[in-house]
Amino acid sequence: MKKAICRILSVIMLAVTAFLIYCAITVTGSGFLDLSNIVRYVLTGMAVISGAIALVLARIGWKNEVVWQA
């Protein structure tokens, strides 16, 4: 059960990572108070963190269990 939850969460976090990267690429801004660069850096940082979480969850969820036979 734990492995199934980790697999599902890793796929969801991977989708969140892809969405954050897409948002960071397409952010634009203009005008008096242009904060698009700051938003781009924040979104990139969030994408890195969610990608690392997805990697950890994937390693837990898809780790092969070794069955020891005597």
C-alpha atoms as a PDB file:
ATOM      1  CA  MET A   1       0.000   0.000   0.000  1.00  0.00           C
ATOM      2  CA  LYS A   2       2.851   2.380   0.877  1.00  0.00           C
ATOM      3  CA  LYS A   3       4.523   1.735  -2.479  1.00  0.00           C
ATOM      4  CA  ALA A   4       1.317   2.454  -4.389  1.00  0.00           C
ATOM      5  CA  ILE A   5       0.858   5.767  -2.586  1.00  0.00           C
ATOM      6  CA  CYS A   6       4.486   6.726  -3.286  1.00  0.00           C
ATOM      7  CA  ARG A   7       4.055   5.837  -6.970  1.00  0.00           C
ATOM      8  CA  ILE A   8       0.909   7.944  -7.308  1.00  0.00           C
ATOM      9  CA  LEU A   9       2.447  10.889  -5.458  1.00  0.00           C
ATOM     10  CA  SER A  10       5.612  10.723  -7.562  1.00  0.00           C
ATOM     11  CA  VAL A  11       3.584  10.947 -10.771  1.00  0.00           C
ATOM     12  CA  ILE A  12       1.581  13.863  -9.372  1.00  0.00           C
ATOM     13  CA  MET A  13       4.758  15.676  -8.283  1.00  0.00           C
ATOM     14  CA  LEU A  14       6.260  15.091 -11.712  1.00  0.00           C
ATOM     15  CA  ALA A  15       3.199  16.719 -13.299  1.00  0.00           C
ATOM     16  CA  VAL A  16       3.471  19.635 -10.858  1.00  0.00           C
ATOM     17  CA  THR A  17       7.146  20.004 -11.769  1.00  0.00           C
ATOM     18  CA  ALA A  18       6.330  20.112 -15.476  1.00  0.00           C
ATOM     19  CA  PHE A  19       3.614  22.708 -14.861  1.00  0.00           C
ATOM     20  CA  LEU A  20       5.955  24.887 -12.798  1.00  0.00           C
ATOM     21  CA  ILE A  21       8.617  24.741 -15.512  1.00  0.00           C
ATOM     22  CA  TYR A  22       6.007  25.706 -18.110  1.00  0.00           C
ATOM     23  CA  CYS A  23       4.872  28.641 -15.949  1.00  0.00           C
ATOM     24  CA  ALA A  24       8.456  29.769 -15.362  1.00  0.00           C
ATOM     25  CA  ILE A  25       9.157  29.764 -19.098  1.00  0.00           C
ATOM     26  CA  THR A  26       6.027  31.651 -20.106  1.00  0.00           C
ATOM     27  CA  VAL A  27       5.920  34.325 -17.381  1.00  0.00           C
ATOM     28  CA  THR A  28       5.986  37.832 -18.798  1.00  0.00           C
ATOM     29  CA  GLY A  29       5.650  41.225 -17.258  1.00  0.00           C
ATOM     30  CA  SER A  30       5.877  44.894 -17.980  1.00  0.00           C
ATOM     31  CA  GLY A  31       4.943  48.169 -16.423  1.00  0.00           C
ATOM     32  CA  PHE A  32       5.984  50.195 -13.434  1.00  0.00           C
ATOM     33  CA  LEU A  33       6.558  47.320 -11.012  1.00  0.00           C
ATOM     34  CA  ASP A  34       7.869  44.414 -13.085  1.00  0.00           C
ATOM     35  CA  LEU A  35       8.315  41.391 -10.832  1.00  0.00           C
ATOM     36  CA  SER A  36       8.486  38.770 -13.579  1.00  0.00           C
ATOM     37  CA  ASN A  37      12.157  37.980 -12.933  1.00  0.00           C
ATOM     38  CA  ILE A  38      11.495  37.326  -9.256  1.00  0.00           C
ATOM     39  CA  VAL A  39       8.489  35.173 -10.117  1.00  0.00           C
ATOM     40  CA  ARG A  40      10.593  33.255 -12.644  1.00  0.00           C
ATOM     41  CA  TYR A  41      13.246  32.536  -9.980  1.00  0.00           C
ATOM     42  CA  VAL A  42      10.642  31.467  -7.423  1.00  0.00           C
ATOM     43  CA  LEU A  43       8.909  29.150  -9.898  1.00  0.00           C
ATOM     44  CA  THR A  44      12.227  27.630 -10.943  1.00  0.00           C
ATOM     45  CA  GLY A  45      13.132  26.997  -7.311  1.00  0.00           C
ATOM     46  CA  MET A  46       9.763  25.414  -6.644  1.00  0.00           C
ATOM     47  CA  ALA A  47      10.201  23.206  -9.727  1.00  0.00           C
ATOM     48  CA  VAL A  48      13.579  22.008  -8.464  1.00  0.00           C
ATOM     49  CA  ILE A  49      12.172  21.207  -5.031  1.00  0.00           C
ATOM     50  CA  SER A  50       9.111  19.371  -6.387  1.00  0.00           C
ATOM     51  CA  GLY A  51      11.318  17.471  -8.844  1.00  0.00           C
ATOM     52  CA  ALA A  52      13.550  16.335  -5.978  1.00  0.00           C
ATOM     53  CA  ILE A  53      10.500  15.213  -4.003  1.00  0.00           C
ATOM     54  CA  ALA A  54       9.226  13.315  -7.055  1.00  0.00           C
ATOM     55  CA  LEU A  55      12.602  11.604  -7.402  1.00  0.00           C
ATOM     56  CA  VAL A  56      12.658  10.513  -3.756  1.00  0.00           C
ATOM     57  CA  LEU A  57       9.090   9.226  -3.922  1.00  0.00           C
ATOM     58  CA  ALA A  58       9.822   7.368  -7.167  1.00  0.00           C
ATOM     59  CA  ARG A  59      12.845   5.657  -5.640  1.00  0.00           C
ATOM     60  CA  ILE A  60      10.722   4.529  -2.697  1.00  0.00           C
ATOM     61  CA  GLY A  61       7.751   3.486  -4.819  1.00  0.00           C
ATOM     62  CA  TRP A  62       9.566   1.612  -7.562  1.00  0.00           C
ATOM     63  CA  LYS A  63      12.357   0.064  -5.495  1.00  0.00           C
ATOM     64  CA  ASN A  64      12.690  -3.647  -6.120  1.00  0.00           C
ATOM     65  CA  GLU A  65      12.177  -5.788  -3.086  1.00  0.00           C
ATOM     66  CA  VAL A  66      14.731  -8.543  -2.727  1.00  0.00           C
ATOM     67  CA  VAL A  67      13.261 -11.769  -1.412  1.00  0.00           C
ATOM     68  CA  TRP A  68      15.894 -13.733   0.465  1.00  0.00           C
ATOM     69  CA  GLN A  69      15.698 -17.460   0.074  1.00  0.00           C
ATOM     70  CA  ALA A  70      17.510 -19.770   2.409  1.00  0.00           C
END
